């Protein structure tokens, strides 16, 4: 049975070389990203190429279960364990994300995210109407899916946090299809990663925001987490695309409750099944 790879000098050197290669990849591609038109179909498609290279360098393998809906406009809602969901979704299905406005101000990351069609929303109540119109206009304009993480943050992987209903404003009273997706991490041989190892090594989260399950002994930055995964030799991501539930007539709070139950129940089922 697989377990967390013990860190040694060889693994550290290998991980460091991979991490350096990642940054070389970023800066080599930056001139092309600058030349590509912002928020256009060709640039959004190119994001999948950019993220695929990251997954290869981090030794992240994807196992897809199910298919993404062909209906448009489409919002895909899923649980959020680490930064790698941001890479796996575009690689599998194309499309872009809805993200909090803070990301726009991150050096380099914010610029690239804007180029790749990420829709930034201001979550302050005083800006709710403007944010809603921005997302609705964007969804009406594009032909690709948009991904959201309704938990509003990442978790330790032991559970699925309650969903923030405000993120479903865009689907309230519209013809937007919302498809639930469940992400699960396991070792490369298919062995599930237990809650303690998920929290300590594979999940990326803030201890203070966890209400269940174990916490990590050391919180890392996003890039620190990428480096750590490269040292560990990566992992496999199981992604389960579930059928879009009927949401017509529901308000945003009902949508959030319904989708949370679907995703949380499926995640718990998968974890328990694979532990047997």
Protein backbone atom coordinates (compact mmCIF):
# COMPACT_ATOMS: atom_id res chain seq x y z
CA UNK A 1 0.00 0.00 0.00
CA UNK A 2 1.35 3.43 -0.96
CA UNK A 3 2.28 6.03 1.58
CA UNK A 4 3.76 9.52 1.67
CA UNK A 5 7.20 9.41 0.11
CA UNK A 6 9.92 10.01 2.66
CA UNK A 7 11.87 13.15 1.94
CA UNK A 8 15.60 12.80 1.31
CA UNK A 9 18.30 14.73 -0.48
CA UNK A 10 17.55 13.07 -3.83
CA UNK A 11 13.85 13.93 -3.66
CA UNK A 12 14.65 17.48 -2.57
CA UNK A 13 17.07 18.00 -5.46
CA UNK A 14 14.59 16.51 -7.95
CA UNK A 15 11.78 18.67 -6.58
CA UNK A 16 13.97 21.75 -6.74
CA UNK A 17 14.87 21.10 -10.37
CA UNK A 18 11.20 20.65 -11.21
CA UNK A 19 10.31 23.88 -9.40
CA UNK A 20 13.04 25.79 -11.24
CA UNK A 21 11.77 24.31 -14.52
CA UNK A 22 8.28 25.53 -13.61
CA UNK A 23 9.47 29.13 -13.26
CA UNK A 24 11.51 28.88 -16.44
CA UNK A 25 8.33 27.65 -18.15
CA UNK A 26 6.40 30.64 -16.81
CA UNK A 27 8.90 33.24 -17.99
CA UNK A 28 9.50 31.56 -21.36
CA UNK A 29 5.76 31.61 -22.04
CA UNK A 30 5.17 35.09 -20.65
CA UNK A 31 5.97 36.93 -23.94
CA UNK A 32 3.40 34.75 -25.74
CA UNK A 33 0.83 35.34 -23.01
CA UNK A 34 1.45 39.08 -23.31
CA UNK A 35 0.84 38.92 -27.07
CA UNK A 36 -2.34 36.85 -26.81
CA UNK A 37 -5.58 38.85 -26.56
CA UNK A 38 -6.98 39.00 -23.04
CA UNK A 39 -10.12 37.01 -22.22
CA UNK A 40 -10.55 35.60 -25.73
CA UNK A 41 -11.24 32.00 -26.72
CA UNK A 42 -7.72 31.34 -28.02
CA UNK A 43 -6.14 32.59 -24.78
CA UNK A 44 -8.53 30.62 -22.58
CA UNK A 45 -7.65 27.51 -24.62
CA UNK A 46 -3.97 28.25 -24.18
CA UNK A 47 -4.44 28.17 -20.40
CA UNK A 48 -4.91 24.40 -20.70
CA UNK A 49 -1.46 24.13 -22.31
CA UNK A 50 0.10 26.28 -19.59
CA UNK A 51 -1.53 24.24 -16.81
CA UNK A 52 -0.70 20.91 -18.48
CA UNK A 53 3.00 21.71 -18.21
CA UNK A 54 2.56 22.46 -14.49
CA UNK A 55 0.80 19.12 -13.95
CA UNK A 56 3.56 17.24 -15.78
CA UNK A 57 6.28 18.93 -13.73
CA UNK A 58 4.40 18.24 -10.49
CA UNK A 59 3.65 14.61 -11.49
CA UNK A 60 -0.09 15.15 -11.12
CA UNK A 61 -2.16 12.52 -12.92
CA UNK A 62 -5.86 12.98 -13.69
CA UNK A 63 -8.50 10.26 -13.76
CA UNK A 64 -11.78 11.54 -15.16
CA UNK A 65 -15.13 10.01 -14.23
CA UNK A 66 -18.11 11.22 -16.26
CA UNK A 67 -18.42 14.03 -18.78
CA UNK A 68 -18.91 17.74 -18.62
CA UNK A 69 -22.34 18.97 -19.70
CA UNK A 70 -22.66 20.28 -23.24
CA UNK A 71 -25.27 22.81 -22.13
CA UNK A 72 -24.35 26.48 -22.18
CA UNK A 73 -24.13 28.74 -20.30
CA UNK A 74 -22.50 26.39 -17.78
CA UNK A 75 -21.29 26.93 -14.24
CA UNK A 76 -19.29 24.08 -12.69
CA UNK A 77 -19.23 23.95 -8.88
CA UNK A 78 -16.79 21.78 -6.96
CA UNK A 79 -14.99 21.17 -3.70
CA UNK A 80 -11.59 22.81 -3.26
CA UNK A 81 -8.65 21.02 -1.63
CA UNK A 82 -5.59 22.78 -3.05
CA UNK A 83 -4.17 24.99 -5.77
CA UNK A 84 -4.11 22.08 -8.22
CA UNK A 85 -7.84 22.23 -8.99
CA UNK A 86 -6.97 25.46 -10.79
CA UNK A 87 -4.78 23.39 -13.13
CA UNK A 88 -6.78 20.18 -13.49
CA UNK A 89 -10.12 21.69 -14.55
CA UNK A 90 -8.87 23.68 -17.57
CA UNK A 91 -6.74 20.73 -18.70
CA UNK A 92 -9.72 18.36 -18.62
CA UNK A 93 -12.50 20.57 -19.92
CA UNK A 94 -11.17 23.98 -20.98
CA UNK A 95 -12.86 27.07 -19.62
CA UNK A 96 -11.90 29.50 -16.88
CA UNK A 97 -12.81 30.51 -13.33
CA UNK A 98 -14.73 32.91 -11.15
CA UNK A 99 -12.40 34.21 -8.45
CA UNK A 100 -12.32 36.73 -5.63
CA UNK A 101 -11.13 40.17 -6.64
CA UNK A 102 -8.04 39.97 -4.39
CA UNK A 103 -6.34 37.61 -6.88
CA UNK A 104 -6.32 40.37 -9.52
CA UNK A 105 -3.81 42.29 -7.36
CA UNK A 106 -1.35 39.39 -6.94
CA UNK A 107 1.92 40.14 -8.76
CA UNK A 108 2.13 38.32 -12.12
CA UNK A 109 -0.57 35.81 -11.08
CA UNK A 110 -3.29 38.45 -11.35
CA UNK A 111 -2.09 39.56 -14.78
CA UNK A 112 -1.95 36.01 -16.16
CA UNK A 113 -5.32 35.12 -14.61
CA UNK A 114 -6.96 38.12 -16.28
CA UNK A 115 -5.45 37.13 -19.62
CA UNK A 116 -6.82 33.60 -19.14
CA UNK A 117 -10.37 34.87 -18.75
CA UNK A 118 -10.78 34.62 -14.98
CA UNK A 119 -13.84 36.60 -13.85
CA UNK A 120 -13.00 38.58 -10.73
CA UNK A 121 -15.81 39.47 -8.33
CA UNK A 122 -15.86 41.86 -5.42
CA UNK A 123 -17.52 40.03 -2.51
CA UNK A 124 -18.24 43.17 -0.49
CA UNK A 125 -22.02 43.54 0.01
CA UNK A 126 -21.89 47.11 -1.25
CA UNK A 127 -20.56 45.85 -4.59
CA UNK A 128 -22.86 42.82 -4.92
CA UNK A 129 -25.06 44.22 -7.69
CA UNK A 130 -22.09 45.27 -9.82
CA UNK A 131 -20.36 41.93 -9.31
CA UNK A 132 -23.50 40.02 -10.27
CA UNK A 133 -23.97 41.98 -13.49
CA UNK A 134 -20.31 41.47 -14.39
CA UNK A 135 -20.56 37.68 -14.09
CA UNK A 136 -23.92 37.51 -15.88
CA UNK A 137 -22.59 39.58 -18.77
CA UNK A 138 -19.48 37.38 -18.99
CA UNK A 139 -21.43 34.12 -18.96
CA UNK A 140 -23.74 35.44 -21.69
CA UNK A 141 -20.70 36.35 -23.82
CA UNK A 142 -18.58 33.21 -23.61
CA UNK A 143 -18.95 29.66 -24.96
CA UNK A 144 -16.78 27.93 -22.36
CA UNK A 145 -17.65 26.78 -18.81
CA UNK A 146 -16.81 28.82 -15.72
CA UNK A 147 -15.68 27.08 -12.55
CA UNK A 148 -16.48 28.15 -9.00
CA UNK A 149 -15.47 26.87 -5.57
CA UNK A 150 -18.52 27.67 -3.42
CA UNK A 151 -16.74 26.85 -0.16
CA UNK A 152 -14.98 30.17 -0.63
CA UNK A 153 -11.65 28.69 0.45
CA UNK A 154 -9.64 25.48 0.37
CA UNK A 155 -10.04 22.77 3.01
CA UNK A 156 -7.99 20.01 4.63
CA UNK A 157 -9.77 17.41 2.48
CA UNK A 158 -11.57 15.78 5.41
CA UNK A 159 -14.93 17.35 4.55
CA UNK A 160 -16.74 19.81 2.28
CA UNK A 161 -17.45 23.18 3.89
CA UNK A 162 -20.87 24.80 3.64
CA UNK A 163 -21.33 26.68 0.37
CA UNK A 164 -21.56 30.45 0.15
CA UNK A 165 -24.93 31.12 -1.45
CA UNK A 166 -23.85 34.48 -2.92
CA UNK A 167 -21.83 32.64 -5.56
CA UNK A 168 -25.06 31.23 -7.02
CA UNK A 169 -26.64 34.64 -7.64
CA UNK A 170 -25.66 34.33 -11.28
CA UNK A 171 -27.81 31.20 -11.75
CA UNK A 172 -30.85 32.47 -9.85
CA UNK A 173 -33.80 32.95 -12.20
CA UNK A 174 -31.69 32.28 -15.32
CA UNK A 175 -31.09 29.44 -17.77
CA UNK A 176 -27.56 28.84 -16.47
CA UNK A 177 -26.85 25.12 -15.96
CA UNK A 178 -24.92 24.27 -12.79
CA UNK A 179 -22.97 21.01 -12.79
CA UNK A 180 -21.51 19.57 -9.56
CA UNK A 181 -18.00 18.11 -9.62
CA UNK A 182 -16.17 16.17 -6.91
CA UNK A 183 -12.38 16.11 -6.60
CA UNK A 184 -10.55 13.41 -4.63
CA UNK A 185 -6.81 12.93 -4.12
CA UNK A 186 -5.08 9.55 -3.92
CA UNK A 187 -1.62 8.05 -4.33
CA UNK A 188 -0.51 7.03 -7.82
CA UNK A 189 -1.42 3.39 -7.16
CA UNK A 190 -5.03 4.37 -6.40
CA UNK A 191 -4.68 4.10 -2.62
CA UNK A 192 -6.70 6.85 -0.92
CA UNK A 193 -4.75 9.46 1.05
CA UNK A 194 -5.95 9.48 4.65
CA UNK A 195 -7.15 12.66 6.35
CA UNK A 196 -3.94 13.15 8.35
CA UNK A 197 -1.67 12.90 5.30
CA UNK A 198 -4.01 15.07 3.24
CA UNK A 199 -3.87 17.81 5.85
CA UNK A 200 -0.15 17.55 6.47
CA UNK A 201 1.07 17.26 2.88
CA UNK A 202 -1.41 17.44 0.01
CA UNK A 203 -4.13 19.94 0.91
CA UNK A 204 -3.48 23.67 0.91
CA UNK A 205 -5.48 25.56 3.52
CA UNK A 206 -5.63 27.92 6.47
CA UNK A 207 -5.79 26.09 9.82
CA UNK A 208 -7.95 28.84 11.31
CA UNK A 209 -10.69 28.27 8.72
CA UNK A 210 -11.10 24.52 9.39
CA UNK A 211 -14.03 23.35 11.50
CA UNK A 212 -13.50 19.61 11.10
CA UNK A 213 -10.68 17.13 10.70
CA UNK A 214 -6.94 17.45 11.29
CA UNK A 215 -4.82 20.53 10.84
CA UNK A 216 -1.33 20.81 9.41
CA UNK A 217 1.79 21.45 11.45
CA UNK A 218 3.10 23.89 8.86
CA UNK A 219 1.10 26.21 6.62
CA UNK A 220 2.70 26.87 3.24
CA UNK A 221 2.28 29.54 0.62
CA UNK A 222 0.70 28.53 -2.70
CA UNK A 223 4.08 28.23 -4.39
CA UNK A 224 5.52 26.55 -1.32
CA UNK A 225 2.79 23.93 -1.68
CA UNK A 226 3.62 23.38 -5.34
CA UNK A 227 7.27 22.85 -4.41
CA UNK A 228 6.33 20.44 -1.61
CA UNK A 229 4.21 18.33 -3.98
CA UNK A 230 7.08 18.21 -6.48
CA UNK A 231 9.36 16.89 -3.72
CA UNK A 232 6.76 14.28 -2.75
CA UNK A 233 6.43 13.02 -6.31
CA UNK A 234 2.91 14.24 -6.98
CA UNK A 235 -0.39 12.37 -6.68
CA UNK A 236 -3.45 11.33 -8.67
CA UNK A 237 -6.63 13.40 -8.89
CA UNK A 238 -9.95 11.64 -9.34
CA UNK A 239 -12.52 14.02 -10.80
CA UNK A 240 -16.18 12.97 -10.79
CA UNK A 241 -18.51 14.94 -13.05
CA UNK A 242 -22.05 14.50 -11.71
CA UNK A 243 -25.31 15.16 -13.59
CA UNK A 244 -26.61 18.73 -13.28
CA UNK A 245 -29.53 18.70 -10.83
CA UNK A 246 -32.85 20.46 -11.59
CA UNK A 247 -32.51 23.90 -9.99
CA UNK A 248 -35.29 25.79 -11.77
CA UNK A 249 -37.34 27.85 -9.35
CA UNK A 250 -34.76 27.69 -6.56
CA UNK A 251 -33.23 30.77 -5.00
CA UNK A 252 -29.48 31.00 -4.42
CA UNK A 253 -29.67 29.63 -0.87
CA UNK A 254 -31.62 26.58 -2.00
CA UNK A 255 -29.14 26.05 -4.81
CA UNK A 256 -26.21 26.25 -2.39
CA UNK A 257 -27.84 23.76 -0.01
CA UNK A 258 -28.78 21.34 -2.80
CA UNK A 259 -25.38 21.38 -4.47
CA UNK A 260 -23.50 21.15 -1.18
CA UNK A 261 -25.42 18.00 -0.25
CA UNK A 262 -24.77 16.40 -3.65
CA UNK A 263 -21.03 17.15 -3.57
CA UNK A 264 -20.52 16.44 0.13
CA UNK A 265 -22.42 13.14 -0.01
CA UNK A 266 -20.50 11.98 -3.07
CA UNK A 267 -17.15 12.97 -1.57
CA UNK A 268 -17.91 11.08 1.65
CA UNK A 269 -19.09 8.06 -0.34
CA UNK A 270 -15.89 7.96 -2.41
CA UNK A 271 -13.61 8.36 0.58
CA UNK A 272 -15.35 5.61 2.56
CA UNK A 273 -15.52 3.29 -0.44
CA UNK A 274 -11.84 3.63 -1.25
CA UNK A 275 -10.77 3.16 2.35
CA UNK A 276 -12.23 -0.39 2.38
